[in-house]
N, C-alpha and C. Protein backbone atom coordinates (compact mmCIF):
# COMPACT_ATOMS: atom_id res chain seq x y z
N MET A 1 22.53 -1.80 25.84
CA MET A 1 21.74 -2.88 25.35
C MET A 1 22.33 -3.34 24.01
N TYR A 2 22.34 -4.65 23.78
CA TYR A 2 22.82 -5.23 22.53
C TYR A 2 21.68 -6.00 21.89
N THR A 3 21.63 -5.97 20.56
CA THR A 3 20.63 -6.74 19.84
C THR A 3 21.17 -7.09 18.47
N THR A 4 20.52 -8.03 17.81
CA THR A 4 20.88 -8.36 16.43
C THR A 4 19.68 -8.06 15.54
N LEU A 5 19.99 -7.78 14.27
CA LEU A 5 18.95 -7.39 13.33
C LEU A 5 19.37 -7.80 11.93
N ASN A 6 18.47 -8.42 11.21
CA ASN A 6 18.73 -8.73 9.80
C ASN A 6 18.42 -7.50 8.96
N VAL A 7 19.18 -7.31 7.89
CA VAL A 7 19.05 -6.11 7.07
C VAL A 7 17.64 -5.95 6.50
N GLN A 8 16.95 -7.05 6.26
CA GLN A 8 15.62 -6.95 5.66
C GLN A 8 14.59 -6.33 6.59
N HIS A 9 14.93 -6.13 7.84
CA HIS A 9 13.98 -5.56 8.79
C HIS A 9 14.19 -4.07 9.04
N ILE A 10 15.05 -3.41 8.27
CA ILE A 10 15.25 -1.97 8.38
C ILE A 10 14.18 -1.27 7.54
N GLU A 11 13.41 -0.41 8.16
CA GLU A 11 12.23 0.18 7.52
C GLU A 11 12.52 0.84 6.18
N SER A 12 13.56 1.67 6.09
CA SER A 12 13.80 2.40 4.84
C SER A 12 14.26 1.49 3.70
N LEU A 13 14.63 0.25 4.01
CA LEU A 13 15.08 -0.68 2.99
C LEU A 13 13.98 -1.66 2.57
N LYS A 14 12.82 -1.55 3.17
CA LYS A 14 11.73 -2.51 2.94
C LYS A 14 11.41 -2.70 1.47
N ASP A 15 11.20 -1.63 0.72
CA ASP A 15 10.84 -1.74 -0.70
C ASP A 15 11.95 -2.40 -1.51
N VAL A 16 13.19 -2.02 -1.23
CA VAL A 16 14.32 -2.58 -1.97
C VAL A 16 14.42 -4.07 -1.71
N ILE A 17 14.32 -4.48 -0.46
CA ILE A 17 14.42 -5.89 -0.09
C ILE A 17 13.29 -6.69 -0.72
N GLU A 18 12.07 -6.14 -0.67
CA GLU A 18 10.94 -6.86 -1.24
C GLU A 18 11.09 -7.04 -2.75
N SER A 19 11.66 -6.03 -3.43
CA SER A 19 11.84 -6.16 -4.88
C SER A 19 12.91 -7.19 -5.22
N ILE A 20 13.90 -7.35 -4.36
CA ILE A 20 14.96 -8.34 -4.59
C ILE A 20 14.48 -9.75 -4.27
N THR A 21 13.80 -9.90 -3.15
CA THR A 21 13.44 -11.23 -2.68
C THR A 21 12.09 -11.72 -3.17
N GLY A 22 11.21 -10.79 -3.53
CA GLY A 22 9.86 -11.18 -3.91
C GLY A 22 9.02 -11.59 -2.71
N ILE A 23 9.50 -11.29 -1.53
CA ILE A 23 8.82 -11.67 -0.29
C ILE A 23 8.42 -10.41 0.46
N VAL A 24 7.18 -10.37 0.95
CA VAL A 24 6.68 -9.22 1.70
C VAL A 24 7.27 -9.24 3.11
N ILE A 25 7.86 -8.13 3.50
CA ILE A 25 8.44 -7.99 4.84
C ILE A 25 7.37 -7.37 5.73
N HIS A 26 6.99 -8.07 6.79
CA HIS A 26 5.92 -7.59 7.66
C HIS A 26 6.43 -6.86 8.89
N GLU A 27 7.63 -7.20 9.35
CA GLU A 27 8.14 -6.59 10.58
C GLU A 27 9.37 -5.76 10.26
N THR A 28 9.31 -4.48 10.63
CA THR A 28 10.44 -3.58 10.40
C THR A 28 10.75 -2.79 11.66
N VAL A 29 11.96 -2.26 11.69
CA VAL A 29 12.42 -1.42 12.79
C VAL A 29 12.68 -0.03 12.22
N PRO A 30 12.19 1.03 12.87
CA PRO A 30 12.45 2.38 12.36
C PRO A 30 13.95 2.67 12.31
N ASP A 31 14.37 3.34 11.25
CA ASP A 31 15.79 3.67 11.06
C ASP A 31 16.36 4.47 12.22
N ILE A 32 15.54 5.31 12.82
CA ILE A 32 16.01 6.18 13.91
C ILE A 32 16.61 5.36 15.06
N ILE A 33 16.10 4.17 15.28
CA ILE A 33 16.64 3.31 16.34
C ILE A 33 18.06 2.88 15.99
N ILE A 34 18.26 2.51 14.74
CA ILE A 34 19.59 2.07 14.30
C ILE A 34 20.56 3.24 14.30
N GLU A 35 20.09 4.40 13.83
CA GLU A 35 20.94 5.57 13.75
C GLU A 35 21.36 6.08 15.13
N SER A 36 20.54 5.84 16.13
CA SER A 36 20.88 6.32 17.47
C SER A 36 21.81 5.36 18.21
N ALA A 37 22.11 4.22 17.59
CA ALA A 37 23.03 3.26 18.22
C ALA A 37 24.42 3.87 18.34
N THR A 38 25.08 3.63 19.44
CA THR A 38 26.44 4.14 19.62
C THR A 38 27.44 3.34 18.81
N GLN A 39 27.09 2.11 18.48
CA GLN A 39 28.00 1.28 17.69
C GLN A 39 27.19 0.25 16.91
N ILE A 40 27.59 0.05 15.67
CA ILE A 40 27.00 -1.01 14.85
C ILE A 40 28.12 -1.94 14.45
N GLU A 41 27.89 -3.22 14.60
CA GLU A 41 28.88 -4.20 14.20
C GLU A 41 28.24 -5.11 13.16
N LEU A 42 28.87 -5.19 12.01
CA LEU A 42 28.35 -6.02 10.93
C LEU A 42 28.89 -7.44 11.08
N LEU A 43 27.99 -8.39 11.16
CA LEU A 43 28.38 -9.80 11.19
C LEU A 43 28.16 -10.33 9.79
N ASP A 44 29.24 -10.57 9.08
CA ASP A 44 29.17 -10.93 7.67
C ASP A 44 29.55 -12.38 7.47
N ILE A 45 28.84 -13.01 6.55
CA ILE A 45 29.13 -14.39 6.17
C ILE A 45 28.80 -14.51 4.69
N SER A 46 29.59 -15.27 3.95
CA SER A 46 29.32 -15.41 2.52
C SER A 46 28.03 -16.20 2.31
N PRO A 47 27.37 -15.96 1.19
CA PRO A 47 26.14 -16.70 0.89
C PRO A 47 26.35 -18.23 0.93
N ASN A 48 27.48 -18.70 0.40
CA ASN A 48 27.73 -20.15 0.41
C ASN A 48 27.86 -20.70 1.83
N GLU A 49 28.55 -19.96 2.69
CA GLU A 49 28.68 -20.39 4.08
C GLU A 49 27.32 -20.41 4.77
N LEU A 50 26.50 -19.39 4.49
CA LEU A 50 25.17 -19.34 5.09
C LEU A 50 24.31 -20.49 4.60
N LEU A 51 24.40 -20.82 3.31
CA LEU A 51 23.63 -21.95 2.78
C LEU A 51 24.10 -23.26 3.39
N ASP A 52 25.41 -23.40 3.62
CA ASP A 52 25.92 -24.59 4.31
C ASP A 52 25.36 -24.69 5.72
N ARG A 53 25.35 -23.58 6.43
CA ARG A 53 24.80 -23.56 7.80
C ARG A 53 23.31 -23.91 7.79
N LEU A 54 22.60 -23.44 6.77
CA LEU A 54 21.18 -23.74 6.64
C LEU A 54 20.97 -25.24 6.45
N ARG A 55 21.76 -25.86 5.56
CA ARG A 55 21.65 -27.31 5.31
C ARG A 55 22.00 -28.12 6.55
N GLU A 56 22.92 -27.59 7.36
CA GLU A 56 23.34 -28.29 8.58
C GLU A 56 22.36 -28.11 9.74
N GLY A 57 21.32 -27.32 9.51
CA GLY A 57 20.32 -27.10 10.57
C GLY A 57 20.75 -26.09 11.61
N LYS A 58 21.70 -25.22 11.27
CA LYS A 58 22.20 -24.24 12.22
C LYS A 58 21.47 -22.89 12.13
N VAL A 59 20.56 -22.76 11.16
CA VAL A 59 19.79 -21.53 11.00
C VAL A 59 18.34 -21.77 11.41
N TYR A 60 17.73 -22.79 10.82
CA TYR A 60 16.37 -23.20 11.15
C TYR A 60 16.36 -24.70 11.38
N LEU A 61 15.35 -25.16 12.07
CA LEU A 61 15.22 -26.59 12.34
C LEU A 61 14.20 -27.22 11.40
N GLY A 62 14.43 -28.48 11.05
CA GLY A 62 13.47 -29.30 10.34
C GLY A 62 12.98 -28.73 9.03
N ASP A 63 11.65 -28.77 8.85
CA ASP A 63 11.01 -28.34 7.60
C ASP A 63 11.23 -26.86 7.31
N GLN A 64 11.38 -26.07 8.36
CA GLN A 64 11.61 -24.63 8.17
C GLN A 64 12.85 -24.38 7.34
N SER A 65 13.86 -25.21 7.51
CA SER A 65 15.11 -25.08 6.78
C SER A 65 14.89 -25.33 5.29
N GLU A 66 14.10 -26.34 4.95
CA GLU A 66 13.82 -26.65 3.55
C GLU A 66 12.99 -25.55 2.89
N ILE A 67 12.01 -25.04 3.60
CA ILE A 67 11.16 -23.96 3.07
C ILE A 67 12.02 -22.72 2.81
N ALA A 68 12.90 -22.39 3.74
CA ALA A 68 13.77 -21.23 3.59
C ALA A 68 14.70 -21.39 2.39
N ALA A 69 15.23 -22.60 2.19
CA ALA A 69 16.14 -22.86 1.08
C ALA A 69 15.43 -22.71 -0.27
N ARG A 70 14.16 -23.03 -0.33
CA ARG A 70 13.40 -22.91 -1.59
C ARG A 70 12.96 -21.48 -1.85
N ASN A 71 12.90 -20.65 -0.83
CA ASN A 71 12.37 -19.31 -0.99
C ASN A 71 13.42 -18.23 -0.77
N PHE A 72 13.56 -17.78 0.44
CA PHE A 72 14.40 -16.63 0.77
C PHE A 72 15.89 -16.91 0.57
N PHE A 73 16.33 -18.08 0.97
CA PHE A 73 17.76 -18.39 1.00
C PHE A 73 18.26 -18.92 -0.35
N GLN A 74 18.39 -18.00 -1.31
CA GLN A 74 18.94 -18.33 -2.62
C GLN A 74 20.21 -17.49 -2.78
N GLU A 75 21.21 -18.06 -3.44
CA GLU A 75 22.52 -17.39 -3.48
C GLU A 75 22.45 -15.98 -4.04
N ASP A 76 21.69 -15.76 -5.12
CA ASP A 76 21.64 -14.42 -5.70
C ASP A 76 20.98 -13.42 -4.74
N ARG A 77 19.93 -13.86 -4.07
CA ARG A 77 19.25 -12.98 -3.11
C ARG A 77 20.15 -12.68 -1.92
N LEU A 78 20.82 -13.70 -1.43
CA LEU A 78 21.70 -13.50 -0.27
C LEU A 78 22.87 -12.58 -0.62
N THR A 79 23.38 -12.68 -1.85
CA THR A 79 24.47 -11.81 -2.29
C THR A 79 24.00 -10.36 -2.34
N ALA A 80 22.80 -10.14 -2.87
CA ALA A 80 22.24 -8.78 -2.94
C ALA A 80 22.01 -8.23 -1.53
N LEU A 81 21.47 -9.05 -0.63
CA LEU A 81 21.24 -8.61 0.75
C LEU A 81 22.55 -8.29 1.45
N ARG A 82 23.57 -9.07 1.15
CA ARG A 82 24.89 -8.82 1.74
C ARG A 82 25.41 -7.46 1.30
N GLU A 83 25.28 -7.15 0.00
CA GLU A 83 25.72 -5.85 -0.50
C GLU A 83 24.96 -4.71 0.17
N ILE A 84 23.66 -4.87 0.33
CA ILE A 84 22.85 -3.84 0.97
C ILE A 84 23.30 -3.63 2.41
N ALA A 85 23.55 -4.71 3.13
CA ALA A 85 24.00 -4.61 4.52
C ALA A 85 25.36 -3.90 4.61
N LEU A 86 26.27 -4.23 3.70
CA LEU A 86 27.59 -3.59 3.70
C LEU A 86 27.46 -2.10 3.40
N ARG A 87 26.63 -1.75 2.42
CA ARG A 87 26.44 -0.33 2.09
C ARG A 87 25.80 0.43 3.25
N PHE A 88 24.77 -0.17 3.84
CA PHE A 88 24.07 0.50 4.94
C PHE A 88 25.03 0.76 6.09
N THR A 89 25.86 -0.21 6.41
CA THR A 89 26.83 -0.06 7.50
C THR A 89 27.86 1.01 7.14
N ALA A 90 28.34 1.01 5.91
CA ALA A 90 29.31 2.02 5.48
C ALA A 90 28.71 3.43 5.55
N GLU A 91 27.44 3.56 5.15
CA GLU A 91 26.77 4.87 5.22
C GLU A 91 26.64 5.33 6.67
N LYS A 92 26.34 4.41 7.57
CA LYS A 92 26.22 4.76 8.99
C LYS A 92 27.57 5.21 9.54
N VAL A 93 28.64 4.50 9.20
CA VAL A 93 29.98 4.87 9.67
C VAL A 93 30.37 6.24 9.09
N ASP A 94 30.08 6.46 7.81
CA ASP A 94 30.39 7.75 7.19
C ASP A 94 29.61 8.87 7.86
N HIS A 95 28.36 8.63 8.14
CA HIS A 95 27.50 9.62 8.81
C HIS A 95 28.06 9.95 10.20
N ASP A 96 28.45 8.91 10.94
CA ASP A 96 29.02 9.12 12.28
C ASP A 96 30.32 9.90 12.20
N LEU A 97 31.15 9.60 11.19
CA LEU A 97 32.43 10.30 11.03
C LEU A 97 32.21 11.79 10.80
N HIS A 98 31.25 12.13 9.95
CA HIS A 98 30.95 13.54 9.70
C HIS A 98 30.46 14.23 10.96
N GLY A 99 29.79 13.49 11.83
CA GLY A 99 29.32 14.05 13.09
C GLY A 99 30.44 14.34 14.07
N MET A 100 31.60 13.76 13.83
CA MET A 100 32.74 13.95 14.74
C MET A 100 33.57 15.19 14.41
N ILE A 101 33.26 15.84 13.31
CA ILE A 101 34.01 17.05 12.94
C ILE A 101 33.81 18.10 14.03
N SER A 102 34.87 18.73 14.41
CA SER A 102 34.79 19.69 15.53
C SER A 102 33.91 20.88 15.17
N ALA A 103 33.43 21.55 16.19
CA ALA A 103 32.56 22.71 16.01
C ALA A 103 33.27 23.80 15.21
N VAL A 104 34.58 24.00 15.45
CA VAL A 104 35.34 25.02 14.73
C VAL A 104 35.37 24.69 13.24
N GLU A 105 35.66 23.44 12.93
CA GLU A 105 35.70 23.04 11.53
C GLU A 105 34.33 23.21 10.88
N ARG A 106 33.28 22.94 11.63
CA ARG A 106 31.93 23.09 11.10
C ARG A 106 31.64 24.55 10.78
N ILE A 107 32.09 25.46 11.66
CA ILE A 107 31.83 26.88 11.43
C ILE A 107 32.64 27.37 10.23
N GLU A 108 33.92 26.97 10.17
CA GLU A 108 34.77 27.40 9.06
C GLU A 108 34.27 26.85 7.73
N GLY A 109 33.79 25.64 7.74
CA GLY A 109 33.33 25.01 6.51
C GLY A 109 31.82 25.12 6.33
N TRP A 110 31.21 26.09 7.01
CA TRP A 110 29.75 26.20 6.97
C TRP A 110 29.25 26.50 5.57
N LYS A 111 28.22 25.84 5.20
CA LYS A 111 27.51 26.16 3.96
C LYS A 111 26.04 25.84 4.20
N PRO A 112 25.16 26.45 3.44
CA PRO A 112 23.74 26.21 3.65
C PRO A 112 23.41 24.73 3.53
N ARG A 113 22.57 24.26 4.43
CA ARG A 113 22.16 22.86 4.39
C ARG A 113 21.08 22.65 3.35
N GLU A 114 21.18 21.52 2.72
CA GLU A 114 20.13 21.14 1.79
C GLU A 114 18.97 20.55 2.58
N ARG A 115 17.80 20.61 1.98
CA ARG A 115 16.63 19.92 2.52
C ARG A 115 15.97 19.21 1.36
N LEU A 116 15.40 18.08 1.64
CA LEU A 116 14.67 17.34 0.62
C LEU A 116 13.19 17.41 0.92
N MET A 117 12.40 17.38 -0.14
CA MET A 117 10.95 17.36 0.03
C MET A 117 10.39 16.29 -0.88
N VAL A 118 9.43 15.55 -0.37
CA VAL A 118 8.73 14.56 -1.16
C VAL A 118 7.23 14.83 -1.02
N ALA A 119 6.54 14.86 -2.16
CA ALA A 119 5.09 15.05 -2.14
C ALA A 119 4.44 13.67 -2.06
N ILE A 120 3.50 13.52 -1.13
CA ILE A 120 2.84 12.23 -0.95
C ILE A 120 1.34 12.40 -1.06
N SER A 121 0.67 11.27 -1.20
CA SER A 121 -0.79 11.27 -1.30
C SER A 121 -1.32 9.99 -0.66
N GLN A 122 -2.54 9.62 -1.04
CA GLN A 122 -3.14 8.38 -0.55
C GLN A 122 -2.68 7.18 -1.38
N SER A 123 -1.81 7.38 -2.34
CA SER A 123 -1.32 6.29 -3.18
C SER A 123 -0.39 5.37 -2.40
N PRO A 124 -0.49 4.06 -2.60
CA PRO A 124 0.47 3.14 -1.97
C PRO A 124 1.90 3.41 -2.43
N ASN A 125 2.08 4.01 -3.61
CA ASN A 125 3.42 4.33 -4.11
C ASN A 125 4.12 5.37 -3.25
N SER A 126 3.37 6.11 -2.46
CA SER A 126 3.97 7.12 -1.58
C SER A 126 4.92 6.48 -0.57
N GLN A 127 4.65 5.25 -0.17
CA GLN A 127 5.52 4.59 0.80
C GLN A 127 6.91 4.38 0.24
N LYS A 128 7.00 3.98 -1.02
CA LYS A 128 8.31 3.80 -1.65
C LYS A 128 9.03 5.14 -1.76
N LEU A 129 8.30 6.19 -2.14
CA LEU A 129 8.89 7.53 -2.23
C LEU A 129 9.42 7.99 -0.87
N LEU A 130 8.66 7.72 0.18
CA LEU A 130 9.08 8.12 1.53
C LEU A 130 10.37 7.40 1.92
N ARG A 131 10.43 6.10 1.68
CA ARG A 131 11.62 5.34 2.07
C ARG A 131 12.85 5.78 1.27
N THR A 132 12.66 6.04 -0.01
CA THR A 132 13.77 6.50 -0.85
C THR A 132 14.27 7.86 -0.39
N THR A 133 13.35 8.79 -0.12
CA THR A 133 13.74 10.12 0.35
C THR A 133 14.43 10.03 1.69
N ARG A 134 13.96 9.17 2.55
CA ARG A 134 14.57 8.97 3.88
C ARG A 134 16.04 8.54 3.74
N ARG A 135 16.28 7.57 2.86
CA ARG A 135 17.67 7.11 2.65
C ARG A 135 18.54 8.23 2.10
N ARG A 136 18.02 8.99 1.15
CA ARG A 136 18.81 10.07 0.55
C ARG A 136 19.08 11.18 1.57
N ALA A 137 18.10 11.50 2.39
CA ALA A 137 18.28 12.53 3.42
C ALA A 137 19.36 12.09 4.41
N PHE A 138 19.35 10.81 4.77
CA PHE A 138 20.36 10.30 5.69
C PHE A 138 21.75 10.42 5.07
N ASN A 139 21.86 10.02 3.78
CA ASN A 139 23.16 10.08 3.11
C ASN A 139 23.66 11.51 2.96
N LEU A 140 22.75 12.45 2.76
CA LEU A 140 23.13 13.86 2.64
C LEU A 140 23.23 14.55 4.00
N ASN A 141 22.82 13.85 5.05
CA ASN A 141 22.79 14.42 6.40
C ASN A 141 21.97 15.71 6.41
N CYS A 142 20.76 15.63 5.85
CA CYS A 142 19.94 16.82 5.77
C CYS A 142 18.51 16.51 6.22
N PRO A 143 17.79 17.52 6.67
CA PRO A 143 16.39 17.32 7.05
C PRO A 143 15.54 17.11 5.80
N TRP A 144 14.35 16.53 6.02
CA TRP A 144 13.47 16.31 4.88
C TRP A 144 12.02 16.50 5.29
N ILE A 145 11.22 16.82 4.28
CA ILE A 145 9.81 17.17 4.50
C ILE A 145 8.96 16.24 3.64
N ALA A 146 7.88 15.75 4.22
CA ALA A 146 6.86 15.02 3.46
C ALA A 146 5.67 15.96 3.35
N LEU A 147 5.33 16.34 2.12
CA LEU A 147 4.28 17.32 1.88
C LEU A 147 3.04 16.64 1.30
N TYR A 148 1.91 16.85 1.96
CA TYR A 148 0.63 16.36 1.43
C TYR A 148 -0.19 17.58 1.04
N VAL A 149 -0.66 17.58 -0.20
CA VAL A 149 -1.49 18.68 -0.69
C VAL A 149 -2.94 18.20 -0.73
N ASP A 150 -3.77 18.80 0.08
CA ASP A 150 -5.21 18.50 0.10
C ASP A 150 -5.88 19.39 -0.95
N ILE A 151 -6.32 18.76 -2.06
CA ILE A 151 -6.94 19.54 -3.15
C ILE A 151 -8.46 19.56 -3.03
N GLY A 152 -8.97 19.11 -1.89
CA GLY A 152 -10.41 19.18 -1.64
C GLY A 152 -11.18 17.97 -2.12
N THR A 153 -10.52 16.98 -2.68
CA THR A 153 -11.20 15.76 -3.11
C THR A 153 -11.65 14.98 -1.89
N VAL A 154 -12.89 14.52 -1.92
CA VAL A 154 -13.42 13.69 -0.83
C VAL A 154 -12.89 12.28 -1.02
N LEU A 155 -12.18 11.78 -0.03
CA LEU A 155 -11.58 10.45 -0.11
C LEU A 155 -12.51 9.42 0.51
N ASP A 156 -12.55 8.23 -0.08
CA ASP A 156 -13.35 7.16 0.51
C ASP A 156 -12.57 6.58 1.70
N ASP A 157 -13.19 5.64 2.40
CA ASP A 157 -12.58 5.07 3.61
C ASP A 157 -11.23 4.41 3.31
N GLN A 158 -11.15 3.71 2.20
CA GLN A 158 -9.90 3.03 1.85
C GLN A 158 -8.78 4.04 1.58
N ASP A 159 -9.09 5.10 0.83
CA ASP A 159 -8.08 6.13 0.55
C ASP A 159 -7.69 6.88 1.82
N ASN A 160 -8.65 7.17 2.68
CA ASN A 160 -8.35 7.83 3.95
C ASN A 160 -7.43 6.98 4.80
N ALA A 161 -7.68 5.66 4.83
CA ALA A 161 -6.85 4.76 5.62
C ALA A 161 -5.43 4.72 5.05
N MET A 162 -5.30 4.69 3.72
CA MET A 162 -3.97 4.66 3.10
C MET A 162 -3.23 5.97 3.34
N LEU A 163 -3.94 7.09 3.25
CA LEU A 163 -3.32 8.38 3.52
C LEU A 163 -2.81 8.44 4.96
N ALA A 164 -3.62 7.99 5.89
CA ALA A 164 -3.21 7.97 7.30
C ALA A 164 -1.98 7.09 7.49
N LYS A 165 -1.95 5.96 6.80
CA LYS A 165 -0.80 5.04 6.88
C LYS A 165 0.45 5.72 6.32
N ASN A 166 0.30 6.42 5.19
CA ASN A 166 1.45 7.11 4.59
C ASN A 166 1.97 8.23 5.47
N LEU A 167 1.07 9.00 6.06
CA LEU A 167 1.48 10.09 6.95
C LEU A 167 2.16 9.53 8.20
N ALA A 168 1.64 8.41 8.72
CA ALA A 168 2.25 7.78 9.90
C ALA A 168 3.65 7.28 9.56
N LEU A 169 3.82 6.71 8.37
CA LEU A 169 5.14 6.23 7.95
C LEU A 169 6.11 7.40 7.84
N ALA A 170 5.64 8.52 7.29
CA ALA A 170 6.49 9.71 7.18
C ALA A 170 6.98 10.14 8.56
N HIS A 171 6.08 10.19 9.53
CA HIS A 171 6.46 10.53 10.91
C HIS A 171 7.46 9.52 11.45
N GLN A 172 7.16 8.23 11.24
CA GLN A 172 8.02 7.16 11.76
C GLN A 172 9.43 7.24 11.18
N LEU A 173 9.54 7.61 9.93
CA LEU A 173 10.84 7.70 9.28
C LEU A 173 11.57 9.01 9.60
N GLY A 174 10.91 9.92 10.31
CA GLY A 174 11.57 11.13 10.77
C GLY A 174 11.37 12.36 9.91
N ALA A 175 10.39 12.33 9.03
CA ALA A 175 10.13 13.50 8.19
C ALA A 175 9.41 14.58 8.97
N GLU A 176 9.60 15.82 8.55
CA GLU A 176 8.73 16.89 8.99
C GLU A 176 7.52 16.79 8.07
N VAL A 177 6.36 16.52 8.63
CA VAL A 177 5.16 16.30 7.83
C VAL A 177 4.38 17.61 7.74
N VAL A 178 4.11 18.04 6.50
CA VAL A 178 3.40 19.29 6.25
C VAL A 178 2.19 19.00 5.39
N THR A 179 1.03 19.55 5.77
CA THR A 179 -0.18 19.44 4.97
C THR A 179 -0.63 20.84 4.58
N VAL A 180 -0.88 21.04 3.29
CA VAL A 180 -1.38 22.32 2.80
C VAL A 180 -2.62 22.07 1.96
N SER A 181 -3.46 23.09 1.85
CA SER A 181 -4.65 23.00 1.00
C SER A 181 -4.48 23.90 -0.21
N ASP A 182 -4.79 23.35 -1.38
CA ASP A 182 -4.69 24.11 -2.62
C ASP A 182 -5.50 23.36 -3.67
N THR A 183 -5.93 24.06 -4.70
CA THR A 183 -6.67 23.40 -5.78
C THR A 183 -5.73 22.75 -6.78
N SER A 184 -4.45 23.09 -6.75
CA SER A 184 -3.46 22.52 -7.67
C SER A 184 -2.25 22.02 -6.88
N ILE A 185 -1.92 20.75 -7.08
CA ILE A 185 -0.76 20.17 -6.39
C ILE A 185 0.51 20.89 -6.84
N GLY A 186 0.65 21.10 -8.14
CA GLY A 186 1.84 21.78 -8.66
C GLY A 186 2.02 23.17 -8.10
N GLN A 187 0.94 23.94 -8.05
CA GLN A 187 1.03 25.30 -7.50
C GLN A 187 1.36 25.26 -6.02
N ALA A 188 0.79 24.29 -5.32
CA ALA A 188 1.06 24.19 -3.88
C ALA A 188 2.53 23.89 -3.62
N ILE A 189 3.10 22.98 -4.41
CA ILE A 189 4.51 22.64 -4.24
C ILE A 189 5.37 23.84 -4.62
N ASN A 190 5.05 24.46 -5.74
CA ASN A 190 5.82 25.60 -6.22
C ASN A 190 5.72 26.80 -5.28
N GLY A 191 4.57 26.98 -4.65
CA GLY A 191 4.37 28.13 -3.78
C GLY A 191 4.59 27.85 -2.31
N TRP A 192 4.99 26.61 -1.98
CA TRP A 192 5.17 26.28 -0.57
C TRP A 192 6.28 27.13 0.02
N PRO A 193 6.04 27.74 1.20
CA PRO A 193 7.01 28.69 1.78
C PRO A 193 8.41 28.13 2.00
N GLY A 194 8.51 26.85 2.30
CA GLY A 194 9.83 26.31 2.59
C GLY A 194 10.60 25.82 1.40
N LYS A 195 10.05 25.95 0.19
CA LYS A 195 10.67 25.32 -0.97
C LYS A 195 12.04 25.86 -1.33
N SER A 196 12.26 27.13 -1.02
CA SER A 196 13.56 27.72 -1.41
C SER A 196 14.64 27.47 -0.39
N LEU A 197 14.30 26.85 0.72
CA LEU A 197 15.31 26.63 1.75
C LEU A 197 16.12 25.37 1.48
């Protein structure tokens, strides 16, 4: 199967893209889908060429083209998105290359694998932490854990909904999701059984 995808729709890049463009991204694709692709081909075009195509009506038709030119399609934003797309593709190629190392070489060069852990809560900021940890885990080619510490606080409906959303995002991004109960978040993190691994 073949498909095309704009860089702004990659889930782990959502926060970065939104901070660059100032536009909320509503539709994303889980990174695991992209990572499982047998081949990724980057279709690159300079921001000026893309803006020319937009003016010529080759990207959007009619009023949509003018709206896009005033908002998303600005040269500085397009340049930043281009850099992100190039980096993401290079990281995927590098990751695939490391996966091609023979089993013998892997055994000879064996060393303990790193693992990353991120502590999350019902805070909306947890989503940014999850996406950042996801990108770092991918770059390090290591597993990662999203840890929620239940300190016994009764959450209201809004906080419960946000916590559920954060835990779902952690699962979607491929984290091992762990929930522990403790009266102190710091003690729970410090005493968590997997922390030394």
